């Protein structure tokens, strides 16, 4: 929870609303449920914006409704966004009642939905709704594209001295839908470290990776390819791998709970993710490999470090398969 001048005040909070988790009403699943429910009402008026089941509708197809010349399509899309924004505001307001979230100045949003116009519009609408309730809070998307924020934030897990003398490092972002691996190129001499993706290998989980063992095998293969690429490009890699993963992470890198969206059992007492990776990649350029695993929401929030300005207390909500959350403070300025 203490990361080189950064304090992780909380992450992966599980707040209930009745019998359900309140975060469930602001996830990507919740967005598409709102869409599906409104489609049922729209059909009673003789209108349906899509010719396929809602689970088959893409973010790009939904965004096209917002740019349509058909007024009904525009109204439908805005109605979905309005309803979802109201649900999002209720979630934010509930999180702000938690003591460790009290001084939050900024909430950044990550996750797949944020790479869409609809996602950004939902955030802006939520900002206005909060302002109407007297809550002045800055809401925005992660500075980095949500698809890479869960990678580049991994550079903040290590102290600057461990990156000194190297050109880059490896990062992994394990999600319930996609797994991404990358070489991060590190800008030398910056504190906090500034990272950008130099090369990425990503895939959508399918039958070939829908087990823990298969997913790790593909992960190791991708990381090995990236190590070879770095060598052929004369890019000196630090012997470090940062892994973003859902759930509560123990000190030894094992996953305590929250892995329900991952393929297979990742929180078994007989399984340790860092050990599984190191057993297959024991060295990087003749140096012993070190693997650090942290919660994926935490790592997305850490990606904001180079862009915070005067902000001392910030949080992240990741709108993906579920709703990830984390809250941070700059420990050295408190």
C-alpha atoms as a PDB file:
ATOM      1  CA  UNK A   1       0.000   0.000   0.000  1.00  0.00           C
ATOM      2  CA  UNK A   2       3.093   2.258   0.157  1.00  0.00           C
ATOM      3  CA  UNK A   3       4.732   2.838  -3.235  1.00  0.00           C
ATOM      4  CA  UNK A   4       7.700   5.220  -3.239  1.00  0.00           C
ATOM      5  CA  UNK A   5       5.923   8.413  -2.165  1.00  0.00           C
ATOM      6  CA  UNK A   6       2.462   7.187  -3.210  1.00  0.00           C
ATOM      7  CA  UNK A   7       0.002   5.782  -0.707  1.00  0.00           C
ATOM      8  CA  UNK A   8      -2.714   3.433  -1.940  1.00  0.00           C
ATOM      9  CA  UNK A   9      -5.462   4.367   0.529  1.00  0.00           C
ATOM     10  CA  UNK A  10      -7.822   1.654  -0.664  1.00  0.00           C
ATOM     11  CA  UNK A  11      -8.609  -0.540  -3.637  1.00  0.00           C
ATOM     12  CA  UNK A  12     -11.125  -3.132  -4.726  1.00  0.00           C
ATOM     13  CA  UNK A  13     -13.694  -1.848  -2.223  1.00  0.00           C
ATOM     14  CA  UNK A  14     -16.829  -3.983  -2.251  1.00  0.00           C
ATOM     15  CA  UNK A  15     -19.753  -1.775  -1.250  1.00  0.00           C
ATOM     16  CA  UNK A  16     -23.185  -3.315  -1.097  1.00  0.00           C
ATOM     17  CA  UNK A  17     -26.531  -1.910  -2.106  1.00  0.00           C
ATOM     18  CA  UNK A  18     -29.006  -4.328  -0.615  1.00  0.00           C
ATOM     19  CA  UNK A  19     -28.032  -7.790  -1.811  1.00  0.00           C
ATOM     20  CA  UNK A  20     -25.915  -6.510  -4.704  1.00  0.00           C
ATOM     21  CA  UNK A  21     -22.551  -4.809  -5.143  1.00  0.00           C
ATOM     22  CA  UNK A  22     -23.137  -1.137  -5.890  1.00  0.00           C
ATOM     23  CA  UNK A  23     -20.373  -1.206  -8.493  1.00  0.00           C
ATOM     24  CA  UNK A  24     -22.471  -3.560 -10.603  1.00  0.00           C
ATOM     25  CA  UNK A  25     -24.687  -0.637 -11.632  1.00  0.00           C
ATOM     26  CA  UNK A  26     -21.758   1.264 -13.183  1.00  0.00           C
ATOM     27  CA  UNK A  27     -19.931  -1.489 -15.054  1.00  0.00           C
ATOM     28  CA  UNK A  28     -19.764  -2.075 -18.795  1.00  0.00           C
ATOM     29  CA  UNK A  29     -22.327  -4.845 -18.246  1.00  0.00           C
ATOM     30  CA  UNK A  30     -24.638  -2.296 -16.609  1.00  0.00           C
ATOM     31  CA  UNK A  31     -24.289   0.081 -19.578  1.00  0.00           C
ATOM     32  CA  UNK A  32     -25.399  -2.605 -22.032  1.00  0.00           C
ATOM     33  CA  UNK A  33     -28.218  -3.686 -19.719  1.00  0.00           C
ATOM     34  CA  UNK A  34     -29.541  -0.098 -19.785  1.00  0.00           C
ATOM     35  CA  UNK A  35     -29.273  -0.196 -23.568  1.00  0.00           C
ATOM     36  CA  UNK A  36     -31.123  -3.502 -23.784  1.00  0.00           C
ATOM     37  CA  UNK A  37     -33.895  -2.375 -21.414  1.00  0.00           C
ATOM     38  CA  UNK A  38     -34.464   0.840 -23.407  1.00  0.00           C
ATOM     39  CA  UNK A  39     -34.536  -1.147 -26.655  1.00  0.00           C
ATOM     40  CA  UNK A  40     -37.486  -3.114 -25.282  1.00  0.00           C
ATOM     41  CA  UNK A  41     -39.369   0.125 -24.618  1.00  0.00           C
ATOM     42  CA  UNK A  42     -38.360   1.573 -28.003  1.00  0.00           C
ATOM     43  CA  UNK A  43     -39.758  -1.474 -29.808  1.00  0.00           C
ATOM     44  CA  UNK A  44     -43.204  -0.745 -28.371  1.00  0.00           C
ATOM     45  CA  UNK A  45     -43.092   2.492 -30.407  1.00  0.00           C
ATOM     46  CA  UNK A  46     -42.043   0.670 -33.564  1.00  0.00           C
ATOM     47  CA  UNK A  47     -38.386   1.662 -33.366  1.00  0.00           C
ATOM     48  CA  UNK A  48     -35.213  -0.334 -32.741  1.00  0.00           C
ATOM     49  CA  UNK A  49     -31.783   1.224 -33.397  1.00  0.00           C
ATOM     50  CA  UNK A  50     -30.049  -2.116 -33.979  1.00  0.00           C
ATOM     51  CA  UNK A  51     -30.728  -5.215 -36.067  1.00  0.00           C
ATOM     52  CA  UNK A  52     -28.876  -7.613 -33.758  1.00  0.00           C
ATOM     53  CA  UNK A  53     -28.980  -8.711 -30.102  1.00  0.00           C
ATOM     54  CA  UNK A  54     -27.497  -6.175 -27.685  1.00  0.00           C
ATOM     55  CA  UNK A  55     -24.505  -8.412 -26.708  1.00  0.00           C
ATOM     56  CA  UNK A  56     -23.406  -8.282 -30.361  1.00  0.00           C
ATOM     57  CA  UNK A  57     -23.509  -4.460 -30.590  1.00  0.00           C
ATOM     58  CA  UNK A  58     -20.059  -2.847 -30.516  1.00  0.00           C
ATOM     59  CA  UNK A  59     -19.038   0.459 -28.918  1.00  0.00           C
ATOM     60  CA  UNK A  60     -18.419   1.874 -32.402  1.00  0.00           C
ATOM     61  CA  UNK A  61     -21.932   0.922 -33.524  1.00  0.00           C
ATOM     62  CA  UNK A  62     -23.410   2.594 -30.461  1.00  0.00           C
ATOM     63  CA  UNK A  63     -21.296   5.721 -31.030  1.00  0.00           C
ATOM     64  CA  UNK A  64     -22.631   5.940 -34.587  1.00  0.00           C
ATOM     65  CA  UNK A  65     -26.110   6.538 -33.144  1.00  0.00           C
ATOM     66  CA  UNK A  66     -24.824   9.733 -31.534  1.00  0.00           C
ATOM     67  CA  UNK A  67     -23.742  11.040 -34.947  1.00  0.00           C
ATOM     68  CA  UNK A  68     -26.822   9.829 -36.789  1.00  0.00           C
ATOM     69  CA  UNK A  69     -29.157  12.109 -38.759  1.00  0.00           C
ATOM     70  CA  UNK A  70     -32.046  10.058 -37.417  1.00  0.00           C
ATOM     71  CA  UNK A  71     -33.372  11.984 -34.411  1.00  0.00           C
ATOM     72  CA  UNK A  72     -34.803   8.813 -32.847  1.00  0.00           C
ATOM     73  CA  UNK A  73     -31.351   7.193 -32.862  1.00  0.00           C
ATOM     74  CA  UNK A  74     -29.757  10.246 -31.255  1.00  0.00           C
ATOM     75  CA  UNK A  75     -32.468  10.454 -28.590  1.00  0.00           C
ATOM     76  CA  UNK A  76     -32.167   6.739 -27.869  1.00  0.00           C
ATOM     77  CA  UNK A  77     -28.375   6.913 -27.432  1.00  0.00           C
ATOM     78  CA  UNK A  78     -28.595   9.984 -25.210  1.00  0.00           C
ATOM     79  CA  UNK A  79     -31.277   8.304 -23.089  1.00  0.00           C
ATOM     80  CA  UNK A  80     -28.958   5.335 -22.480  1.00  0.00           C
ATOM     81  CA  UNK A  81     -26.112   7.682 -21.534  1.00  0.00           C
ATOM     82  CA  UNK A  82     -28.370   9.742 -19.226  1.00  0.00           C
ATOM     83  CA  UNK A  83     -29.634   6.668 -17.361  1.00  0.00           C
ATOM     84  CA  UNK A  84     -26.151   5.205 -17.030  1.00  0.00           C
ATOM     85  CA  UNK A  85     -24.731   8.569 -15.860  1.00  0.00           C
ATOM     86  CA  UNK A  86     -27.375   8.733 -13.121  1.00  0.00           C
ATOM     87  CA  UNK A  87     -26.377   5.252 -11.962  1.00  0.00           C
ATOM     88  CA  UNK A  88     -22.718   6.273 -12.085  1.00  0.00           C
ATOM     89  CA  UNK A  89     -23.383   9.344  -9.928  1.00  0.00           C
ATOM     90  CA  UNK A  90     -25.045   7.178  -7.286  1.00  0.00           C
ATOM     91  CA  UNK A  91     -21.957   4.950  -7.225  1.00  0.00           C
ATOM     92  CA  UNK A  92     -19.550   7.916  -6.988  1.00  0.00           C
ATOM     93  CA  UNK A  93     -21.580   9.518  -4.192  1.00  0.00           C
ATOM     94  CA  UNK A  94     -21.492   6.249  -2.247  1.00  0.00           C
ATOM     95  CA  UNK A  95     -17.730   5.901  -2.628  1.00  0.00           C
ATOM     96  CA  UNK A  96     -17.242   9.471  -1.414  1.00  0.00           C
ATOM     97  CA  UNK A  97     -18.906   8.545   1.895  1.00  0.00           C
ATOM     98  CA  UNK A  98     -16.039   6.132   2.594  1.00  0.00           C
ATOM     99  CA  UNK A  99     -13.542   7.806   4.955  1.00  0.00           C
ATOM    100  CA  UNK A 100     -10.492   7.043   2.800  1.00  0.00           C
ATOM    101  CA  UNK A 101     -12.200   8.698  -0.205  1.00  0.00           C
ATOM    102  CA  UNK A 102     -13.177  11.888   1.682  1.00  0.00           C
ATOM    103  CA  UNK A 103     -10.536  14.244   0.244  1.00  0.00           C
ATOM    104  CA  UNK A 104     -10.754  13.022  -3.339  1.00  0.00           C
ATOM    105  CA  UNK A 105     -10.122  15.879  -5.795  1.00  0.00           C
ATOM    106  CA  UNK A 106     -10.054  13.935  -9.048  1.00  0.00           C
ATOM    107  CA  UNK A 107     -11.561  10.698 -10.320  1.00  0.00           C
ATOM    108  CA  UNK A 108     -10.118   9.237 -13.491  1.00  0.00           C
ATOM    109  CA  UNK A 109     -11.981   6.598 -15.448  1.00  0.00           C
ATOM    110  CA  UNK A 110     -10.400   3.638 -17.152  1.00  0.00           C
ATOM    111  CA  UNK A 111     -11.663   0.421 -18.668  1.00  0.00           C
ATOM    112  CA  UNK A 112     -12.904  -0.482 -22.112  1.00  0.00           C
ATOM    113  CA  UNK A 113     -16.032   1.697 -22.116  1.00  0.00           C
ATOM    114  CA  UNK A 114     -13.839   4.811 -21.848  1.00  0.00           C
ATOM    115  CA  UNK A 115     -12.462   4.265 -25.342  1.00  0.00           C
ATOM    116  CA  UNK A 116     -15.844   5.318 -26.725  1.00  0.00           C
ATOM    117  CA  UNK A 117     -17.664   8.630 -27.219  1.00  0.00           C
ATOM    118  CA  UNK A 118     -20.562   7.259 -25.163  1.00  0.00           C
ATOM    119  CA  UNK A 119     -18.252   6.590 -22.215  1.00  0.00           C
ATOM    120  CA  UNK A 120     -16.794  10.101 -22.291  1.00  0.00           C
ATOM    121  CA  UNK A 121     -20.264  11.637 -22.579  1.00  0.00           C
ATOM    122  CA  UNK A 122     -21.419   9.629 -19.555  1.00  0.00           C
ATOM    123  CA  UNK A 123     -18.533  11.070 -17.522  1.00  0.00           C
ATOM    124  CA  UNK A 124     -19.334  14.648 -18.561  1.00  0.00           C
ATOM    125  CA  UNK A 125     -23.017  14.187 -17.772  1.00  0.00           C
ATOM    126  CA  UNK A 126     -22.107  12.707 -14.375  1.00  0.00           C
ATOM    127  CA  UNK A 127     -19.922  15.773 -13.707  1.00  0.00           C
ATOM    128  CA  UNK A 128     -22.909  18.082 -14.229  1.00  0.00           C
ATOM    129  CA  UNK A 129     -25.195  15.927 -12.096  1.00  0.00           C
ATOM    130  CA  UNK A 130     -22.667  15.976  -9.248  1.00  0.00           C
ATOM    131  CA  UNK A 131     -22.323  19.759  -9.579  1.00  0.00           C
ATOM    132  CA  UNK A 132     -26.108  20.080  -9.299  1.00  0.00           C
ATOM    133  CA  UNK A 133     -25.834  18.182  -6.011  1.00  0.00           C
ATOM    134  CA  UNK A 134     -23.139  20.598  -4.805  1.00  0.00           C
ATOM    135  CA  UNK A 135     -20.223  18.182  -5.307  1.00  0.00           C
ATOM    136  CA  UNK A 136     -17.401  19.922  -7.174  1.00  0.00           C
ATOM    137  CA  UNK A 137     -15.215  17.117  -8.385  1.00  0.00           C
ATOM    138  CA  UNK A 138     -13.115  16.710 -11.507  1.00  0.00           C
ATOM    139  CA  UNK A 139     -13.995  13.640 -13.557  1.00  0.00           C
ATOM    140  CA  UNK A 140     -12.066  12.655 -16.667  1.00  0.00           C
ATOM    141  CA  UNK A 141     -10.797   9.717 -18.647  1.00  0.00           C
ATOM    142  CA  UNK A 142      -7.291   8.421 -17.953  1.00  0.00           C
ATOM    143  CA  UNK A 143      -4.672  10.608 -19.644  1.00  0.00           C
ATOM    144  CA  UNK A 144      -3.411   7.521 -21.463  1.00  0.00           C
ATOM    145  CA  UNK A 145      -5.700   5.477 -23.662  1.00  0.00           C
ATOM    146  CA  UNK A 146      -7.591   3.075 -21.356  1.00  0.00           C
ATOM    147  CA  UNK A 147      -6.225   0.131 -23.338  1.00  0.00           C
ATOM    148  CA  UNK A 148      -2.661   1.020 -22.333  1.00  0.00           C
ATOM    149  CA  UNK A 149      -3.131   2.735 -18.939  1.00  0.00           C
ATOM    150  CA  UNK A 150      -3.111  -0.696 -17.277  1.00  0.00           C
ATOM    151  CA  UNK A 151       0.306  -1.296 -18.834  1.00  0.00           C
ATOM    152  CA  UNK A 152       2.177   1.993 -18.399  1.00  0.00           C
ATOM    153  CA  UNK A 153       1.085   2.378 -14.772  1.00  0.00           C
ATOM    154  CA  UNK A 154       3.266  -0.644 -14.038  1.00  0.00           C
ATOM    155  CA  UNK A 155       6.377   1.537 -14.249  1.00  0.00           C
ATOM    156  CA  UNK A 156       5.279   3.243 -10.996  1.00  0.00           C
ATOM    157  CA  UNK A 157       5.531  -0.022  -9.039  1.00  0.00           C
ATOM    158  CA  UNK A 158       9.320   0.172  -8.982  1.00  0.00           C
ATOM    159  CA  UNK A 159      11.651   2.769  -7.422  1.00  0.00           C
ATOM    160  CA  UNK A 160      13.529   4.907  -9.957  1.00  0.00           C
ATOM    161  CA  UNK A 161      16.903   3.302  -9.134  1.00  0.00           C
ATOM    162  CA  UNK A 162      15.687  -0.090 -10.375  1.00  0.00           C
ATOM    163  CA  UNK A 163      15.013   1.427 -13.814  1.00  0.00           C
ATOM    164  CA  UNK A 164      18.224   3.453 -13.983  1.00  0.00           C
ATOM    165  CA  UNK A 165      20.535   2.375 -16.801  1.00  0.00           C
ATOM    166  CA  UNK A 166      17.796   0.562 -18.706  1.00  0.00           C
ATOM    167  CA  UNK A 167      15.735   1.586 -21.729  1.00  0.00           C
ATOM    168  CA  UNK A 168      12.523  -0.186 -20.764  1.00  0.00           C
ATOM    169  CA  UNK A 169      10.720  -2.987 -18.972  1.00  0.00           C
ATOM    170  CA  UNK A 170       7.915  -5.489 -19.513  1.00  0.00           C
ATOM    171  CA  UNK A 171       4.279  -5.115 -18.451  1.00  0.00           C
ATOM    172  CA  UNK A 172       1.157  -7.289 -18.509  1.00  0.00           C
ATOM    173  CA  UNK A 173      -2.509  -6.348 -18.088  1.00  0.00           C
ATOM    174  CA  UNK A 174      -4.754  -9.339 -17.371  1.00  0.00           C
ATOM    175  CA  UNK A 175      -8.451  -8.672 -17.874  1.00  0.00           C
ATOM    176  CA  UNK A 176     -11.562 -10.777 -17.941  1.00  0.00           C
ATOM    177  CA  UNK A 177     -11.890 -10.183 -21.701  1.00  0.00           C
ATOM    178  CA  UNK A 178      -8.429  -9.225 -22.970  1.00  0.00           C
ATOM    179  CA  UNK A 179      -4.819  -9.877 -22.012  1.00  0.00           C
ATOM    180  CA  UNK A 180      -2.170  -7.347 -23.060  1.00  0.00           C
ATOM    181  CA  UNK A 181       1.603  -7.614 -22.860  1.00  0.00           C
ATOM    182  CA  UNK A 182       4.047  -4.863 -23.767  1.00  0.00           C
ATOM    183  CA  UNK A 183       7.529  -3.422 -23.741  1.00  0.00           C
ATOM    184  CA  UNK A 184       7.412  -0.108 -21.903  1.00  0.00           C
ATOM    185  CA  UNK A 185      10.001   2.427 -22.977  1.00  0.00           C
ATOM    186  CA  UNK A 186      11.054   4.514 -19.983  1.00  0.00           C
ATOM    187  CA  UNK A 187      12.064   8.156 -20.291  1.00  0.00           C
ATOM    188  CA  UNK A 188      15.328   8.407 -18.407  1.00  0.00           C
ATOM    189  CA  UNK A 189      15.791  10.868 -15.580  1.00  0.00           C
ATOM    190  CA  UNK A 190      12.110  11.548 -14.916  1.00  0.00           C
ATOM    191  CA  UNK A 191      10.490  11.219 -11.518  1.00  0.00           C
ATOM    192  CA  UNK A 192       7.888   9.812 -11.448  1.00  0.00           C
ATOM    193  CA  UNK A 193       8.962   7.574 -14.346  1.00  0.00           C
ATOM    194  CA  UNK A 194       7.322   8.379 -17.681  1.00  0.00           C
ATOM    195  CA  UNK A 195       6.522   5.316 -19.748  1.00  0.00           C
ATOM    196  CA  UNK A 196       5.066   4.672 -23.168  1.00  0.00           C
ATOM    197  CA  UNK A 197       4.272   1.479 -25.009  1.00  0.00           C
ATOM    198  CA  UNK A 198       7.052   0.572 -27.424  1.00  0.00           C
ATOM    199  CA  UNK A 199       5.531  -2.717 -28.636  1.00  0.00           C
ATOM    200  CA  UNK A 200       2.337  -4.505 -27.595  1.00  0.00           C
ATOM    201  CA  UNK A 201       1.064  -8.049 -28.062  1.00  0.00           C
ATOM    202  CA  UNK A 202      -2.584  -8.443 -27.063  1.00  0.00           C
ATOM    203  CA  UNK A 203      -5.348 -10.970 -27.550  1.00  0.00           C
ATOM    204  CA  UNK A 204      -8.978 -11.508 -26.709  1.00  0.00           C
ATOM    205  CA  UNK A 205      -9.493 -14.554 -24.551  1.00  0.00           C
ATOM    206  CA  UNK A 206     -11.129 -17.403 -26.443  1.00  0.00           C
ATOM    207  CA  UNK A 207     -11.235 -21.193 -26.159  1.00  0.00           C
ATOM    208  CA  UNK A 208      -7.455 -21.345 -26.581  1.00  0.00           C
ATOM    209  CA  UNK A 209      -6.891 -19.277 -23.417  1.00  0.00           C
ATOM    210  CA  UNK A 210      -9.987 -19.961 -21.313  1.00  0.00           C
ATOM    211  CA  UNK A 211      -8.077 -21.746 -18.573  1.00  0.00           C
ATOM    212  CA  UNK A 212      -5.474 -20.447 -16.150  1.00  0.00           C
ATOM    213  CA  UNK A 213      -2.749 -22.673 -17.585  1.00  0.00           C
ATOM    214  CA  UNK A 214      -3.525 -21.758 -21.197  1.00  0.00           C
ATOM    215  CA  UNK A 215      -3.648 -18.043 -20.392  1.00  0.00           C
ATOM    216  CA  UNK A 216      -0.243 -18.155 -18.655  1.00  0.00           C
ATOM    217  CA  UNK A 217       1.250 -20.186 -21.512  1.00  0.00           C
ATOM    218  CA  UNK A 218       0.165 -17.518 -24.027  1.00  0.00           C
ATOM    219  CA  UNK A 219       1.390 -14.792 -21.678  1.00  0.00           C
ATOM    220  CA  UNK A 220       4.842 -16.362 -21.372  1.00  0.00           C
ATOM    221  CA  UNK A 221       5.047 -16.857 -25.138  1.00  0.00           C
ATOM    222  CA  UNK A 222       4.194 -13.179 -25.747  1.00  0.00           C
ATOM    223  CA  UNK A 223       6.683 -11.969 -23.132  1.00  0.00           C
ATOM    224  CA  UNK A 224       9.402 -14.172 -24.630  1.00  0.00           C
ATOM    225  CA  UNK A 225       8.694 -12.691 -28.068  1.00  0.00           C
ATOM    226  CA  UNK A 226       8.964  -9.178 -26.621  1.00  0.00           C
ATOM    227  CA  UNK A 227      12.284  -9.995 -24.940  1.00  0.00           C
ATOM    228  CA  UNK A 228      13.666 -11.214 -28.294  1.00  0.00           C
ATOM    229  CA  UNK A 229      12.338  -8.098 -30.025  1.00  0.00           C
ATOM    230  CA  UNK A 230      14.000  -5.826 -27.459  1.00  0.00           C
ATOM    231  CA  UNK A 231      17.313  -7.633 -27.946  1.00  0.00           C
ATOM    232  CA  UNK A 232      17.146  -7.348 -31.738  1.00  0.00           C
ATOM    233  CA  UNK A 233      16.278  -3.635 -31.377  1.00  0.00           C
ATOM    234  CA  UNK A 234      19.188  -2.985 -28.978  1.00  0.00           C
ATOM    235  CA  UNK A 235      16.705  -1.989 -26.289  1.00  0.00           C
ATOM    236  CA  UNK A 236      18.126  -2.752 -22.856  1.00  0.00           C
ATOM    237  CA  UNK A 237      15.374  -4.236 -20.712  1.00  0.00           C
ATOM    238  CA  UNK A 238      15.328  -4.028 -16.937  1.00  0.00           C
ATOM    239  CA  UNK A 239      14.742  -7.520 -15.483  1.00  0.00           C
ATOM    240  CA  UNK A 240      11.325  -6.405 -14.276  1.00  0.00           C
ATOM    241  CA  UNK A 241       7.779  -7.466 -15.147  1.00  0.00           C
ATOM    242  CA  UNK A 242       4.791  -5.500 -13.821  1.00  0.00           C
ATOM    243  CA  UNK A 243       1.478  -7.361 -13.898  1.00  0.00           C
ATOM    244  CA  UNK A 244      -1.956  -5.774 -13.495  1.00  0.00           C
ATOM    245  CA  UNK A 245      -4.560  -8.280 -12.345  1.00  0.00           C
ATOM    246  CA  UNK A 246      -8.069  -8.148 -10.864  1.00  0.00           C
ATOM    247  CA  UNK A 247      -8.516  -8.881  -7.195  1.00  0.00           C
ATOM    248  CA  UNK A 248      -6.912  -8.398  -3.798  1.00  0.00           C
ATOM    249  CA  UNK A 249      -3.173  -9.015  -4.082  1.00  0.00           C
ATOM    250  CA  UNK A 250      -1.173 -10.400  -1.149  1.00  0.00           C
ATOM    251  CA  UNK A 251       2.409  -9.378  -0.317  1.00  0.00           C
ATOM    252  CA  UNK A 252       3.783 -12.454  -2.087  1.00  0.00           C
ATOM    253  CA  UNK A 253       1.854 -11.673  -5.270  1.00  0.00           C
ATOM    254  CA  UNK A 254      -0.829 -14.307  -4.747  1.00  0.00           C
ATOM    255  CA  UNK A 255      -4.468 -13.401  -5.404  1.00  0.00           C
ATOM    256  CA  UNK A 256      -6.770 -13.544  -2.392  1.00  0.00           C
ATOM    257  CA  UNK A 257     -10.119 -12.842  -4.039  1.00  0.00           C
ATOM    258  CA  UNK A 258     -11.731 -10.967  -6.933  1.00  0.00           C
ATOM    259  CA  UNK A 259     -10.558 -13.239  -9.739  1.00  0.00           C
ATOM    260  CA  UNK A 260     -14.067 -14.315 -10.723  1.00  0.00           C
ATOM    261  CA  UNK A 261     -13.783 -12.813 -14.220  1.00  0.00           C
ATOM    262  CA  UNK A 262     -10.534 -14.646 -14.975  1.00  0.00           C
ATOM    263  CA  UNK A 263     -10.348 -18.087 -16.604  1.00  0.00           C
ATOM    264  CA  UNK A 264      -9.895 -20.813 -13.995  1.00  0.00           C
ATOM    265  CA  UNK A 265      -8.869 -20.587 -10.340  1.00  0.00           C
ATOM    266  CA  UNK A 266      -6.180 -17.934  -9.823  1.00  0.00           C
ATOM    267  CA  UNK A 267      -6.478 -17.802  -6.028  1.00  0.00           C
ATOM    268  CA  UNK A 268      -5.632 -21.421  -5.320  1.00  0.00           C
ATOM    269  CA  UNK A 269      -3.252 -21.995  -2.397  1.00  0.00           C
ATOM    270  CA  UNK A 270      -1.118 -24.017  -4.810  1.00  0.00           C
ATOM    271  CA  UNK A 271      -0.758 -21.197  -7.343  1.00  0.00           C
ATOM    272  CA  UNK A 272       1.377 -18.068  -7.283  1.00  0.00           C
ATOM    273  CA  UNK A 273       1.400 -15.880 -10.403  1.00  0.00           C
ATOM    274  CA  UNK A 274       4.887 -14.331  -9.996  1.00  0.00           C
ATOM    275  CA  UNK A 275       6.381 -17.779  -9.386  1.00  0.00           C
ATOM    276  CA  UNK A 276       4.578 -19.165 -12.446  1.00  0.00           C
ATOM    277  CA  UNK A 277       6.091 -16.448 -14.657  1.00  0.00           C
ATOM    278  CA  UNK A 278       9.586 -16.628 -13.148  1.00  0.00           C
ATOM    279  CA  UNK A 279       9.680 -20.416 -13.565  1.00  0.00           C
ATOM    280  CA  UNK A 280       9.299 -19.900 -17.340  1.00  0.00           C
ATOM    281  CA  UNK A 281      11.319 -16.658 -17.650  1.00  0.00           C
ATOM    282  CA  UNK A 282      13.975 -16.951 -14.901  1.00  0.00           C
ATOM    283  CA  UNK A 283      16.296 -14.333 -16.434  1.00  0.00           C
ATOM    284  CA  UNK A 284      16.126 -11.270 -18.662  1.00  0.00           C
ATOM    285  CA  UNK A 285      19.487 -10.408 -20.246  1.00  0.00           C
ATOM    286  CA  UNK A 286      21.381 -12.482 -17.644  1.00  0.00           C
ATOM    287  CA  UNK A 287      19.674 -10.731 -14.702  1.00  0.00           C
ATOM    288  CA  UNK A 288      17.283 -12.572 -12.369  1.00  0.00           C
ATOM    289  CA  UNK A 289      13.693 -11.727 -13.274  1.00  0.00           C
ATOM    290  CA  UNK A 290      11.599  -9.859 -10.720  1.00  0.00           C
ATOM    291  CA  UNK A 291       7.803  -9.858 -11.032  1.00  0.00           C
ATOM    292  CA  UNK A 292       5.482  -7.503  -9.164  1.00  0.00           C
ATOM    293  CA  UNK A 293       1.713  -8.020  -9.314  1.00  0.00           C
ATOM    294  CA  UNK A 294      -0.810  -5.401  -8.235  1.00  0.00           C
ATOM    295  CA  UNK A 295      -4.509  -4.803  -8.689  1.00  0.00           C
ATOM    296  CA  UNK A 296      -5.441  -3.656 -12.204  1.00  0.00           C
ATOM    297  CA  UNK A 297      -7.388  -0.649 -10.941  1.00  0.00           C
ATOM    298  CA  UNK A 298      -4.403   0.442  -8.875  1.00  0.00           C
ATOM    299  CA  UNK A 299      -2.091   0.244 -11.878  1.00  0.00           C
ATOM    300  CA  UNK A 300      -4.498   2.217 -14.084  1.00  0.00           C
ATOM    301  CA  UNK A 301      -4.630   4.878 -11.373  1.00  0.00           C
ATOM    302  CA  UNK A 302      -0.830   4.929 -11.119  1.00  0.00           C
ATOM    303  CA  UNK A 303      -0.614   5.730 -14.837  1.00  0.00           C
ATOM    304  CA  UNK A 304      -1.801   9.245 -13.906  1.00  0.00           C
ATOM    305  CA  UNK A 305       1.301  10.046 -11.846  1.00  0.00           C
ATOM    306  CA  UNK A 306       3.120  12.105 -14.533  1.00  0.00           C
ATOM    307  CA  UNK A 307      -0.014  14.227 -15.212  1.00  0.00           C
ATOM    308  CA  UNK A 308      -1.370  15.001 -11.727  1.00  0.00           C
ATOM    309  CA  UNK A 309      -0.101  18.569 -11.383  1.00  0.00           C
ATOM    310  CA  UNK A 310      -1.156  19.906  -7.957  1.00  0.00           C
ATOM    311  CA  UNK A 311      -3.615  17.086  -7.228  1.00  0.00           C
ATOM    312  CA  UNK A 312      -2.769  15.305  -3.969  1.00  0.00           C
ATOM    313  CA  UNK A 313      -5.712  12.915  -3.604  1.00  0.00           C
ATOM    314  CA  UNK A 314      -7.148  11.074  -6.572  1.00  0.00           C
ATOM    315  CA  UNK A 315      -9.092   7.942  -7.376  1.00  0.00           C
ATOM    316  CA  UNK A 316      -9.763   5.668 -10.316  1.00  0.00           C
ATOM    317  CA  UNK A 317     -12.886   3.801 -11.402  1.00  0.00           C
ATOM    318  CA  UNK A 318     -12.396   1.263 -14.170  1.00  0.00           C
ATOM    319  CA  UNK A 319     -15.533   0.530 -16.148  1.00  0.00           C
ATOM    320  CA  UNK A 320     -14.843  -2.905 -17.554  1.00  0.00           C
ATOM    321  CA  UNK A 321     -16.309  -6.371 -17.054  1.00  0.00           C
ATOM    322  CA  UNK A 322     -16.774  -5.222 -13.462  1.00  0.00           C
ATOM    323  CA  UNK A 323     -16.104  -1.883 -11.738  1.00  0.00           C
ATOM    324  CA  UNK A 324     -12.564  -1.576 -10.410  1.00  0.00           C
ATOM    325  CA  UNK A 325     -11.701   1.120  -7.891  1.00  0.00           C
ATOM    326  CA  UNK A 326      -8.708   2.564  -6.089  1.00  0.00           C
ATOM    327  CA  UNK A 327      -7.897   5.724  -4.091  1.00  0.00           C
ATOM    328  CA  UNK A 328      -4.434   7.336  -3.779  1.00  0.00           C
ATOM    329  CA  UNK A 329      -2.605  10.085  -1.901  1.00  0.00           C
ATOM    330  CA  UNK A 330       0.822  11.617  -2.383  1.00  0.00           C
ATOM    331  CA  UNK A 331       2.411  10.513   0.885  1.00  0.00           C
ATOM    332  CA  UNK A 332       5.337  12.940   0.693  1.00  0.00           C
ATOM    333  CA  UNK A 333       3.028  15.996   0.550  1.00  0.00           C
ATOM    334  CA  UNK A 334       0.573  15.049   3.253  1.00  0.00           C
END
